[in-house]
């Protein structure tokens, strides 16, 4: 029989944030992190995301980043005609570390227009 020990990390003591320690937390797309390599510009507001995340959850973004479109080489990607709240909801619903509950209504109202139409 194997025993399992729970190891408690004191982030204040170690000087590391909960993000560094691997704790699940709500994702803040309004701040750069060591994983973000793309800056989305939506309604004059900024969101920071990994291109790989967008490519995994959207065939439109995948095509942009894997083909020879100009977006593949951009660090800043403007999304004209998109609503900031819709894009933020889309990001929070599709990120594996997010704490947002995904519902059919949420998908219909926010996610479809971002993931499948540009």
N, C-alpha and C. Protein backbone atom coordinates (compact mmCIF):
# COMPACT_ATOMS: atom_id res chain seq x y z
N UNK A 1 0.85 -1.17 0.00
CA UNK A 1 0.00 0.00 0.00
C UNK A 1 0.89 1.24 0.00
N UNK A 2 0.58 2.14 -0.90
CA UNK A 2 1.37 3.37 -0.97
C UNK A 2 0.66 4.49 -0.24
N UNK A 3 1.43 5.33 0.34
CA UNK A 3 0.83 6.48 1.01
C UNK A 3 1.16 7.73 0.22
N UNK A 4 0.25 8.67 0.27
CA UNK A 4 0.52 9.92 -0.42
C UNK A 4 0.59 11.04 0.60
N UNK A 5 1.56 11.88 0.41
CA UNK A 5 1.72 13.02 1.28
C UNK A 5 1.31 14.27 0.54
N UNK A 6 0.64 15.13 1.24
CA UNK A 6 0.31 16.43 0.66
C UNK A 6 1.41 17.40 1.07
N UNK A 7 1.94 18.05 0.09
CA UNK A 7 2.99 19.01 0.35
C UNK A 7 2.39 20.40 0.23
N UNK A 8 2.54 21.16 1.26
CA UNK A 8 2.02 22.52 1.26
C UNK A 8 3.15 23.48 0.96
N UNK A 9 2.93 24.31 -0.04
CA UNK A 9 3.91 25.31 -0.39
C UNK A 9 3.46 26.64 0.18
N UNK A 10 4.33 27.30 0.85
CA UNK A 10 4.03 28.63 1.35
C UNK A 10 4.63 29.63 0.37
N UNK A 11 3.78 30.20 -0.47
CA UNK A 11 4.28 31.06 -1.53
C UNK A 11 4.95 32.32 -0.99
N UNK A 12 4.51 32.81 0.15
CA UNK A 12 5.15 33.99 0.70
C UNK A 12 6.55 33.66 1.17
N UNK A 13 6.68 32.51 1.76
CA UNK A 13 7.99 32.11 2.28
C UNK A 13 8.97 31.84 1.15
N UNK A 14 8.49 31.21 0.08
CA UNK A 14 9.39 30.86 -1.02
C UNK A 14 9.64 32.03 -1.97
N UNK A 15 8.78 33.06 -1.86
CA UNK A 15 8.94 34.21 -2.75
C UNK A 15 8.34 33.97 -4.13
N UNK A 16 7.60 32.89 -4.31
CA UNK A 16 7.00 32.58 -5.61
C UNK A 16 5.51 32.87 -5.56
N UNK A 17 4.96 33.26 -6.71
CA UNK A 17 3.53 33.52 -6.79
C UNK A 17 2.77 32.21 -6.93
N UNK A 18 1.45 32.27 -6.76
CA UNK A 18 0.65 31.06 -6.92
C UNK A 18 0.73 30.56 -8.36
N UNK A 19 0.95 31.47 -9.34
CA UNK A 19 1.12 31.06 -10.72
C UNK A 19 2.38 30.21 -10.87
N UNK A 20 3.47 30.65 -10.24
CA UNK A 20 4.72 29.89 -10.30
C UNK A 20 4.59 28.54 -9.60
N UNK A 21 3.76 28.48 -8.58
CA UNK A 21 3.62 27.25 -7.81
C UNK A 21 2.65 26.27 -8.47
N UNK A 22 1.95 26.70 -9.53
CA UNK A 22 1.08 25.80 -10.26
C UNK A 22 -0.34 25.71 -9.71
N UNK A 23 -0.73 26.62 -8.87
CA UNK A 23 -2.09 26.59 -8.35
C UNK A 23 -3.06 27.07 -9.43
N UNK A 24 -4.25 26.47 -9.46
CA UNK A 24 -5.28 26.90 -10.39
C UNK A 24 -5.81 28.25 -9.95
N UNK A 25 -5.87 29.17 -10.85
CA UNK A 25 -6.38 30.50 -10.53
C UNK A 25 -7.04 31.07 -11.77
N UNK A 26 -7.83 32.10 -11.59
CA UNK A 26 -8.44 32.74 -12.73
C UNK A 26 -7.34 33.43 -13.53
N UNK A 27 -7.42 33.32 -14.82
CA UNK A 27 -6.40 33.85 -15.71
C UNK A 27 -6.66 35.34 -15.96
N UNK A 28 -5.63 36.15 -15.87
CA UNK A 28 -5.75 37.57 -16.15
C UNK A 28 -5.09 37.86 -17.49
N UNK A 29 -5.90 37.98 -18.52
CA UNK A 29 -5.39 38.21 -19.87
C UNK A 29 -5.00 39.66 -20.10
N UNK A 30 -5.22 40.52 -19.11
CA UNK A 30 -4.88 41.93 -19.28
C UNK A 30 -3.42 42.22 -18.92
N UNK A 31 -2.72 41.20 -18.44
CA UNK A 31 -1.31 41.37 -18.05
C UNK A 31 -0.42 40.40 -18.82
N UNK A 32 0.74 40.88 -19.18
CA UNK A 32 1.72 40.01 -19.85
C UNK A 32 2.22 38.98 -18.85
N UNK A 33 2.58 37.83 -19.37
CA UNK A 33 3.24 36.82 -18.54
C UNK A 33 4.36 36.20 -19.36
N UNK A 34 5.07 35.30 -18.76
CA UNK A 34 6.18 34.68 -19.48
C UNK A 34 5.71 33.78 -20.62
N UNK A 35 4.40 33.45 -20.64
CA UNK A 35 3.87 32.57 -21.68
C UNK A 35 3.23 33.32 -22.83
N UNK A 36 2.95 34.60 -22.68
CA UNK A 36 2.24 35.31 -23.74
C UNK A 36 3.21 35.80 -24.81
N UNK A 37 2.82 35.57 -26.06
CA UNK A 37 3.64 36.03 -27.18
C UNK A 37 2.82 36.81 -28.19
N UNK A 38 1.57 37.12 -27.84
CA UNK A 38 0.71 37.90 -28.72
C UNK A 38 -0.11 38.87 -27.89
N UNK A 39 -0.27 40.04 -28.43
CA UNK A 39 -0.99 41.13 -27.78
C UNK A 39 -2.18 41.43 -28.69
N UNK A 40 -3.41 41.15 -28.21
CA UNK A 40 -4.61 41.44 -28.98
C UNK A 40 -5.07 42.86 -28.66
N UNK A 41 -5.44 43.59 -29.67
CA UNK A 41 -5.95 44.96 -29.50
C UNK A 41 -7.43 44.91 -29.88
N UNK A 42 -8.31 45.10 -28.87
CA UNK A 42 -9.75 45.03 -29.08
C UNK A 42 -10.39 46.27 -28.44
N UNK A 43 -11.09 47.04 -29.24
CA UNK A 43 -11.74 48.27 -28.76
C UNK A 43 -10.77 49.14 -27.95
N UNK A 44 -9.58 49.34 -28.44
CA UNK A 44 -8.53 50.14 -27.78
C UNK A 44 -8.12 49.61 -26.42
N UNK A 45 -8.39 48.34 -26.16
CA UNK A 45 -7.93 47.68 -24.94
C UNK A 45 -7.00 46.55 -25.34
N UNK A 46 -6.20 46.09 -24.39
CA UNK A 46 -5.19 45.09 -24.70
C UNK A 46 -5.42 43.79 -23.93
N UNK A 47 -5.19 42.69 -24.63
CA UNK A 47 -5.24 41.36 -24.02
C UNK A 47 -3.98 40.62 -24.46
N UNK A 48 -3.42 39.81 -23.57
CA UNK A 48 -2.17 39.10 -23.85
C UNK A 48 -2.42 37.60 -23.80
N UNK A 49 -2.02 36.91 -24.86
CA UNK A 49 -2.29 35.48 -24.98
C UNK A 49 -1.14 34.75 -25.66
N UNK A 50 -1.05 33.45 -25.45
CA UNK A 50 -0.11 32.65 -26.25
C UNK A 50 -0.75 32.35 -27.62
N UNK A 51 -0.01 32.53 -28.69
CA UNK A 51 -0.52 32.17 -30.02
C UNK A 51 -0.93 30.71 -30.06
N UNK A 52 -0.18 29.87 -29.39
CA UNK A 52 -0.47 28.44 -29.41
C UNK A 52 -1.86 28.14 -28.86
N UNK A 53 -2.27 28.88 -27.85
CA UNK A 53 -3.61 28.67 -27.29
C UNK A 53 -4.68 28.99 -28.33
N UNK A 54 -4.54 30.14 -28.98
CA UNK A 54 -5.52 30.53 -29.99
C UNK A 54 -5.56 29.53 -31.14
N UNK A 55 -4.38 29.06 -31.56
CA UNK A 55 -4.32 28.09 -32.66
C UNK A 55 -4.99 26.76 -32.29
N UNK A 56 -4.90 26.38 -31.03
CA UNK A 56 -5.52 25.13 -30.60
C UNK A 56 -7.04 25.20 -30.52
N UNK A 57 -7.57 26.36 -30.21
CA UNK A 57 -9.03 26.45 -29.98
C UNK A 57 -9.80 27.07 -31.14
N UNK A 58 -9.12 27.56 -32.16
CA UNK A 58 -9.81 28.21 -33.27
C UNK A 58 -9.16 27.86 -34.61
N UNK A 59 -9.94 27.31 -35.53
CA UNK A 59 -9.38 27.01 -36.86
C UNK A 59 -8.97 28.28 -37.61
N UNK A 60 -9.64 29.38 -37.33
CA UNK A 60 -9.28 30.65 -37.99
C UNK A 60 -7.91 31.12 -37.52
N UNK A 61 -7.68 31.13 -36.21
CA UNK A 61 -6.38 31.53 -35.69
C UNK A 61 -5.30 30.53 -36.11
N UNK A 62 -5.63 29.25 -36.13
CA UNK A 62 -4.65 28.24 -36.54
C UNK A 62 -4.16 28.53 -37.95
N UNK A 63 -5.09 28.82 -38.84
CA UNK A 63 -4.72 29.12 -40.22
C UNK A 63 -3.85 30.38 -40.29
N UNK A 64 -4.21 31.39 -39.52
CA UNK A 64 -3.42 32.63 -39.50
C UNK A 64 -1.98 32.38 -39.08
N UNK A 65 -1.81 31.58 -38.03
CA UNK A 65 -0.48 31.41 -37.44
C UNK A 65 0.35 30.31 -38.09
N UNK A 66 -0.28 29.38 -38.79
CA UNK A 66 0.47 28.29 -39.39
C UNK A 66 0.71 28.48 -40.89
N UNK A 67 0.01 29.42 -41.50
CA UNK A 67 0.21 29.71 -42.91
C UNK A 67 1.08 30.95 -43.05
N UNK A 68 1.19 31.44 -44.23
CA UNK A 68 2.04 32.61 -44.45
C UNK A 68 1.23 33.90 -44.51
N UNK A 69 0.29 34.02 -43.60
CA UNK A 69 -0.43 35.28 -43.45
C UNK A 69 0.44 36.22 -42.62
N UNK A 70 0.19 37.51 -42.76
CA UNK A 70 1.00 38.49 -42.03
C UNK A 70 0.85 38.32 -40.52
N UNK A 71 -0.32 37.83 -40.07
CA UNK A 71 -0.58 37.66 -38.64
C UNK A 71 0.40 36.71 -37.96
N UNK A 72 0.96 35.81 -38.73
CA UNK A 72 1.92 34.85 -38.18
C UNK A 72 3.13 35.55 -37.56
N UNK A 73 3.48 36.70 -38.11
CA UNK A 73 4.68 37.40 -37.68
C UNK A 73 4.41 38.61 -36.79
N UNK A 74 3.14 38.88 -36.50
CA UNK A 74 2.79 40.04 -35.69
C UNK A 74 2.92 39.77 -34.20
N UNK A 75 3.32 40.80 -33.47
CA UNK A 75 3.31 40.75 -32.01
C UNK A 75 2.03 41.38 -31.47
N UNK A 76 1.43 42.28 -32.27
CA UNK A 76 0.18 42.94 -31.92
C UNK A 76 -0.83 42.63 -33.01
N UNK A 77 -1.97 42.07 -32.63
CA UNK A 77 -3.00 41.70 -33.59
C UNK A 77 -4.28 42.47 -33.28
N UNK A 78 -4.63 43.46 -34.13
CA UNK A 78 -5.88 44.17 -33.92
C UNK A 78 -7.06 43.29 -34.34
N UNK A 79 -8.14 43.38 -33.57
CA UNK A 79 -9.36 42.64 -33.91
C UNK A 79 -10.50 43.64 -34.10
N UNK A 80 -10.51 44.34 -35.23
CA UNK A 80 -11.56 45.34 -35.47
C UNK A 80 -12.91 44.66 -35.61
N UNK A 81 -13.92 45.32 -35.09
CA UNK A 81 -15.28 44.78 -35.19
C UNK A 81 -15.63 43.79 -34.10
N UNK A 82 -14.68 43.42 -33.29
CA UNK A 82 -14.94 42.49 -32.18
C UNK A 82 -15.14 43.28 -30.90
N UNK A 83 -15.96 42.73 -30.01
CA UNK A 83 -16.20 43.37 -28.73
C UNK A 83 -15.22 42.82 -27.70
N UNK A 84 -14.67 43.72 -26.91
CA UNK A 84 -13.71 43.34 -25.88
C UNK A 84 -14.26 42.26 -24.96
N UNK A 85 -15.47 42.44 -24.48
CA UNK A 85 -16.09 41.47 -23.57
C UNK A 85 -16.23 40.10 -24.21
N UNK A 86 -16.58 40.06 -25.49
CA UNK A 86 -16.72 38.78 -26.19
C UNK A 86 -15.38 38.06 -26.32
N UNK A 87 -14.34 38.81 -26.66
CA UNK A 87 -13.00 38.21 -26.82
C UNK A 87 -12.49 37.72 -25.47
N UNK A 88 -12.67 38.52 -24.44
CA UNK A 88 -12.22 38.12 -23.10
C UNK A 88 -12.97 36.87 -22.63
N UNK A 89 -14.26 36.82 -22.86
CA UNK A 89 -15.05 35.64 -22.49
C UNK A 89 -14.57 34.41 -23.26
N UNK A 90 -14.32 34.59 -24.55
CA UNK A 90 -13.81 33.50 -25.37
C UNK A 90 -12.49 32.96 -24.80
N UNK A 91 -11.59 33.86 -24.44
CA UNK A 91 -10.29 33.43 -23.90
C UNK A 91 -10.46 32.69 -22.57
N UNK A 92 -11.30 33.23 -21.70
CA UNK A 92 -11.50 32.61 -20.39
C UNK A 92 -12.19 31.25 -20.51
N UNK A 93 -13.09 31.11 -21.48
CA UNK A 93 -13.80 29.84 -21.64
C UNK A 93 -12.94 28.76 -22.27
N UNK A 94 -11.95 29.14 -23.03
CA UNK A 94 -11.15 28.15 -23.74
C UNK A 94 -9.82 27.83 -23.07
N UNK A 95 -9.41 28.63 -22.11
CA UNK A 95 -8.13 28.39 -21.45
C UNK A 95 -8.29 27.29 -20.40
N UNK A 96 -7.44 26.28 -20.40
CA UNK A 96 -7.59 25.16 -19.46
C UNK A 96 -7.43 25.54 -17.99
N UNK A 97 -6.79 26.65 -17.69
CA UNK A 97 -6.60 27.06 -16.31
C UNK A 97 -7.66 28.02 -15.80
N UNK A 98 -8.65 28.31 -16.63
CA UNK A 98 -9.66 29.29 -16.26
C UNK A 98 -10.71 28.68 -15.34
N UNK A 99 -11.31 29.53 -14.53
CA UNK A 99 -12.34 29.09 -13.60
C UNK A 99 -13.74 29.43 -14.09
N UNK A 100 -13.90 29.81 -15.37
CA UNK A 100 -15.19 30.19 -15.92
C UNK A 100 -15.99 28.94 -16.28
N UNK A 101 -17.25 28.93 -15.87
CA UNK A 101 -18.14 27.82 -16.20
C UNK A 101 -18.68 28.05 -17.61
N UNK A 102 -18.49 27.08 -18.49
CA UNK A 102 -18.91 27.20 -19.88
C UNK A 102 -20.32 26.63 -20.01
N UNK A 103 -21.22 27.42 -20.59
CA UNK A 103 -22.59 26.99 -20.84
C UNK A 103 -22.89 27.13 -22.33
N UNK A 104 -23.97 26.50 -22.78
CA UNK A 104 -24.37 26.61 -24.19
C UNK A 104 -24.68 28.05 -24.57
N UNK A 105 -25.34 28.78 -23.67
CA UNK A 105 -25.68 30.17 -23.94
C UNK A 105 -24.41 31.01 -24.08
N UNK A 106 -23.46 30.77 -23.23
CA UNK A 106 -22.19 31.49 -23.29
C UNK A 106 -21.50 31.23 -24.62
N UNK A 107 -21.47 29.98 -25.04
CA UNK A 107 -20.84 29.63 -26.32
C UNK A 107 -21.55 30.33 -27.48
N UNK A 108 -22.85 30.27 -27.47
CA UNK A 108 -23.62 30.87 -28.56
C UNK A 108 -23.41 32.38 -28.61
N UNK A 109 -23.43 33.03 -27.47
CA UNK A 109 -23.35 34.49 -27.44
C UNK A 109 -21.96 35.05 -27.65
N UNK A 110 -20.92 34.35 -27.27
CA UNK A 110 -19.58 34.94 -27.30
C UNK A 110 -18.56 34.17 -28.13
N UNK A 111 -18.56 32.88 -28.01
CA UNK A 111 -17.44 32.11 -28.54
C UNK A 111 -17.51 31.86 -30.04
N UNK A 112 -18.67 31.62 -30.57
CA UNK A 112 -18.79 31.26 -31.98
C UNK A 112 -18.20 32.34 -32.89
N UNK A 113 -18.54 33.59 -32.64
CA UNK A 113 -18.09 34.67 -33.52
C UNK A 113 -16.59 34.90 -33.44
N UNK A 114 -15.97 34.52 -32.35
CA UNK A 114 -14.53 34.71 -32.22
C UNK A 114 -13.77 33.53 -32.85
N UNK A 115 -14.18 32.32 -32.52
CA UNK A 115 -13.44 31.13 -32.94
C UNK A 115 -13.60 30.82 -34.43
N UNK A 116 -14.77 31.10 -34.99
CA UNK A 116 -15.05 30.63 -36.34
C UNK A 116 -15.17 31.74 -37.38
N UNK A 117 -15.32 32.96 -36.96
CA UNK A 117 -15.47 34.06 -37.92
C UNK A 117 -14.52 35.18 -37.56
N UNK A 118 -13.83 35.70 -38.53
CA UNK A 118 -12.96 36.85 -38.27
C UNK A 118 -13.32 37.99 -39.20
